[in-house]
N, C-alpha and C. Protein backbone atom coordinates (compact mmCIF):
# COMPACT_ATOMS: atom_id res chain seq x y z
N UNK A 1 -5.43 1.36 -5.91
CA UNK A 1 -5.21 0.11 -5.23
C UNK A 1 -5.85 0.18 -3.86
N UNK A 2 -6.29 -0.96 -3.38
CA UNK A 2 -6.78 -1.08 -2.02
C UNK A 2 -5.83 -2.02 -1.30
N UNK A 3 -5.35 -1.57 -0.14
CA UNK A 3 -4.39 -2.35 0.64
C UNK A 3 -5.02 -2.63 2.00
N UNK A 4 -5.11 -3.91 2.34
CA UNK A 4 -5.66 -4.31 3.64
C UNK A 4 -4.55 -4.95 4.46
N UNK A 5 -4.40 -4.49 5.69
CA UNK A 5 -3.41 -5.05 6.61
C UNK A 5 -4.15 -5.51 7.85
N UNK A 6 -3.91 -6.75 8.26
CA UNK A 6 -4.46 -7.24 9.51
C UNK A 6 -3.31 -7.59 10.43
N UNK A 7 -3.47 -7.22 11.69
CA UNK A 7 -2.46 -7.50 12.71
C UNK A 7 -3.19 -7.79 14.02
N UNK A 8 -3.15 -9.04 14.44
CA UNK A 8 -3.89 -9.43 15.64
C UNK A 8 -5.38 -9.21 15.41
N UNK A 9 -6.01 -8.45 16.28
CA UNK A 9 -7.45 -8.18 16.16
C UNK A 9 -7.74 -6.92 15.35
N UNK A 10 -6.71 -6.20 14.90
CA UNK A 10 -6.89 -4.92 14.21
C UNK A 10 -6.80 -5.08 12.69
N UNK A 11 -7.54 -4.20 11.99
CA UNK A 11 -7.57 -4.18 10.54
C UNK A 11 -7.42 -2.74 10.07
N UNK A 12 -6.66 -2.58 8.96
CA UNK A 12 -6.49 -1.26 8.34
C UNK A 12 -6.70 -1.43 6.84
N UNK A 13 -7.47 -0.51 6.24
CA UNK A 13 -7.67 -0.51 4.80
C UNK A 13 -7.30 0.87 4.27
N UNK A 14 -6.44 0.90 3.24
CA UNK A 14 -6.00 2.15 2.62
C UNK A 14 -6.35 2.13 1.14
N UNK A 15 -6.68 3.30 0.60
CA UNK A 15 -6.89 3.46 -0.83
C UNK A 15 -5.78 4.34 -1.37
N UNK A 16 -5.15 3.89 -2.46
CA UNK A 16 -3.99 4.60 -3.01
C UNK A 16 -4.07 4.69 -4.53
N UNK A 17 -3.58 5.79 -5.05
CA UNK A 17 -3.43 5.97 -6.49
C UNK A 17 -1.95 5.90 -6.81
N UNK A 18 -1.61 5.20 -7.89
CA UNK A 18 -0.23 5.09 -8.34
C UNK A 18 -0.20 5.51 -9.81
N UNK A 19 0.75 6.38 -10.16
CA UNK A 19 0.89 6.80 -11.55
C UNK A 19 2.35 6.72 -11.97
N UNK A 20 2.57 6.46 -13.25
CA UNK A 20 3.90 6.30 -13.82
C UNK A 20 3.97 7.12 -15.10
N UNK A 21 5.05 7.90 -15.28
CA UNK A 21 5.19 8.66 -16.53
C UNK A 21 6.18 7.96 -17.47
N UNK A 22 6.40 8.54 -18.63
CA UNK A 22 7.26 7.91 -19.64
C UNK A 22 8.74 7.94 -19.28
N UNK A 23 9.12 8.66 -18.23
CA UNK A 23 10.51 8.69 -17.76
C UNK A 23 10.72 7.78 -16.55
N UNK A 24 9.77 6.89 -16.29
CA UNK A 24 9.81 5.96 -15.15
C UNK A 24 9.76 6.66 -13.79
N UNK A 25 9.18 7.86 -13.74
CA UNK A 25 8.91 8.49 -12.45
C UNK A 25 7.57 7.94 -11.97
N UNK A 26 7.56 7.41 -10.77
CA UNK A 26 6.36 6.78 -10.24
C UNK A 26 5.97 7.50 -8.94
N UNK A 27 4.66 7.70 -8.75
CA UNK A 27 4.17 8.45 -7.59
C UNK A 27 3.03 7.70 -6.93
N UNK A 28 2.95 7.82 -5.61
CA UNK A 28 1.93 7.18 -4.80
C UNK A 28 1.21 8.24 -3.99
N UNK A 29 -0.11 8.24 -4.03
CA UNK A 29 -0.90 9.14 -3.21
C UNK A 29 -1.91 8.31 -2.43
N UNK A 30 -1.85 8.39 -1.10
CA UNK A 30 -2.84 7.72 -0.26
C UNK A 30 -3.96 8.73 0.00
N UNK A 31 -5.17 8.38 -0.43
CA UNK A 31 -6.27 9.33 -0.28
C UNK A 31 -7.35 8.86 0.68
N UNK A 32 -7.16 7.73 1.27
CA UNK A 32 -8.14 7.27 2.26
C UNK A 32 -7.55 6.15 3.10
N UNK A 33 -7.82 6.18 4.41
CA UNK A 33 -7.35 5.13 5.30
C UNK A 33 -8.33 5.00 6.45
N UNK A 34 -8.67 3.78 6.77
CA UNK A 34 -9.54 3.48 7.90
C UNK A 34 -8.90 2.36 8.70
N UNK A 35 -8.85 2.54 10.03
CA UNK A 35 -8.15 1.57 10.87
C UNK A 35 -8.89 1.38 12.18
N UNK A 36 -8.88 0.14 12.69
CA UNK A 36 -9.44 -0.13 14.00
C UNK A 36 -8.41 0.08 15.10
N UNK A 37 -7.19 0.38 14.71
CA UNK A 37 -6.09 0.62 15.65
C UNK A 37 -5.92 2.12 15.86
N UNK A 38 -5.29 2.51 16.92
CA UNK A 38 -5.03 3.92 17.18
C UNK A 38 -3.86 4.47 16.39
N UNK A 39 -3.14 3.60 15.69
CA UNK A 39 -1.99 4.05 14.89
C UNK A 39 -1.91 3.20 13.62
N UNK A 40 -1.09 3.64 12.67
CA UNK A 40 -0.96 2.94 11.39
C UNK A 40 -0.38 1.54 11.59
N UNK A 41 -0.91 0.59 10.83
CA UNK A 41 -0.42 -0.79 10.89
C UNK A 41 0.66 -1.07 9.87
N UNK A 42 0.85 -0.13 8.90
CA UNK A 42 1.85 -0.34 7.85
C UNK A 42 2.14 0.99 7.16
N UNK A 43 3.25 1.02 6.45
CA UNK A 43 3.57 2.15 5.58
C UNK A 43 3.80 1.61 4.17
N UNK A 44 3.55 2.44 3.17
CA UNK A 44 3.67 1.99 1.78
C UNK A 44 4.55 2.93 0.97
N UNK A 45 5.32 2.34 0.05
CA UNK A 45 6.12 3.10 -0.89
C UNK A 45 5.95 2.45 -2.26
N UNK A 46 6.40 3.16 -3.28
CA UNK A 46 6.31 2.64 -4.64
C UNK A 46 7.61 2.96 -5.36
N UNK A 47 8.07 2.03 -6.24
CA UNK A 47 9.27 2.28 -7.03
C UNK A 47 9.20 1.49 -8.33
N UNK A 48 10.19 1.70 -9.18
CA UNK A 48 10.30 0.98 -10.45
C UNK A 48 11.47 0.02 -10.33
N UNK A 49 11.24 -1.24 -10.69
CA UNK A 49 12.28 -2.26 -10.68
C UNK A 49 12.26 -2.95 -12.04
N UNK A 50 13.22 -2.61 -12.89
CA UNK A 50 13.23 -3.15 -14.24
C UNK A 50 12.03 -2.64 -15.01
N UNK A 51 11.18 -3.55 -15.48
CA UNK A 51 9.96 -3.18 -16.20
C UNK A 51 8.72 -3.20 -15.32
N UNK A 52 8.91 -3.29 -14.01
CA UNK A 52 7.79 -3.44 -13.08
C UNK A 52 7.69 -2.26 -12.13
N UNK A 53 6.46 -1.91 -11.79
CA UNK A 53 6.19 -0.96 -10.71
C UNK A 53 5.87 -1.80 -9.48
N UNK A 54 6.57 -1.51 -8.37
CA UNK A 54 6.37 -2.27 -7.14
C UNK A 54 5.71 -1.40 -6.09
N UNK A 55 4.68 -1.94 -5.46
CA UNK A 55 4.13 -1.33 -4.25
C UNK A 55 4.70 -2.13 -3.10
N UNK A 56 5.41 -1.45 -2.22
CA UNK A 56 6.05 -2.13 -1.10
C UNK A 56 5.36 -1.71 0.19
N UNK A 57 4.79 -2.67 0.88
CA UNK A 57 4.08 -2.43 2.13
C UNK A 57 4.93 -2.98 3.26
N UNK A 58 5.24 -2.12 4.22
CA UNK A 58 6.03 -2.52 5.38
C UNK A 58 5.13 -2.50 6.62
N UNK A 59 4.74 -3.67 7.11
CA UNK A 59 3.88 -3.71 8.30
C UNK A 59 4.68 -3.41 9.56
N UNK A 60 3.96 -3.01 10.62
CA UNK A 60 4.62 -2.65 11.87
C UNK A 60 5.16 -3.88 12.61
N UNK A 61 4.64 -5.07 12.29
CA UNK A 61 5.20 -6.28 12.92
C UNK A 61 5.17 -7.44 11.94
N UNK A 62 5.91 -8.49 12.25
CA UNK A 62 6.05 -9.64 11.36
C UNK A 62 4.82 -10.54 11.32
N UNK A 63 3.87 -10.34 12.21
CA UNK A 63 2.67 -11.18 12.26
C UNK A 63 1.52 -10.62 11.43
N UNK A 64 1.76 -9.57 10.68
CA UNK A 64 0.71 -8.93 9.89
C UNK A 64 0.49 -9.67 8.58
N UNK A 65 -0.73 -9.59 8.09
CA UNK A 65 -1.09 -10.13 6.77
C UNK A 65 -1.44 -8.95 5.88
N UNK A 66 -0.88 -8.93 4.66
CA UNK A 66 -1.10 -7.83 3.71
C UNK A 66 -1.75 -8.38 2.45
N UNK A 67 -2.83 -7.73 2.00
CA UNK A 67 -3.52 -8.09 0.77
C UNK A 67 -3.64 -6.81 -0.06
N UNK A 68 -3.26 -6.88 -1.35
CA UNK A 68 -3.35 -5.73 -2.25
C UNK A 68 -4.23 -6.11 -3.44
N UNK A 69 -5.21 -5.22 -3.75
CA UNK A 69 -6.06 -5.40 -4.92
C UNK A 69 -6.02 -4.12 -5.72
N UNK A 70 -6.04 -4.23 -7.04
CA UNK A 70 -6.01 -3.01 -7.83
C UNK A 70 -6.60 -3.18 -9.22
N UNK A 71 -6.81 -2.05 -9.84
CA UNK A 71 -7.30 -1.99 -11.22
C UNK A 71 -6.31 -1.19 -12.03
N UNK A 72 -5.82 -1.75 -13.13
CA UNK A 72 -4.89 -1.04 -13.99
C UNK A 72 -5.65 -0.36 -15.12
N UNK A 73 -5.31 0.89 -15.37
CA UNK A 73 -5.95 1.65 -16.45
C UNK A 73 -4.95 1.91 -17.54
């Protein structure tokens, strides 16, 4: 997945891998991040909710915009 966060004049783009096993154990690995800010603009977690895998992005402030794009295999 690619996650883009914008906050004011700053932009952050992260690349993440998410995997799920047959026991509903889900894992997130962030393997790349680029930011115009001196610190992270958001944090990400992943969990299972019913039949869905959720990527939850928590931005550092309420004025941030979050866009997530991904490819399912």
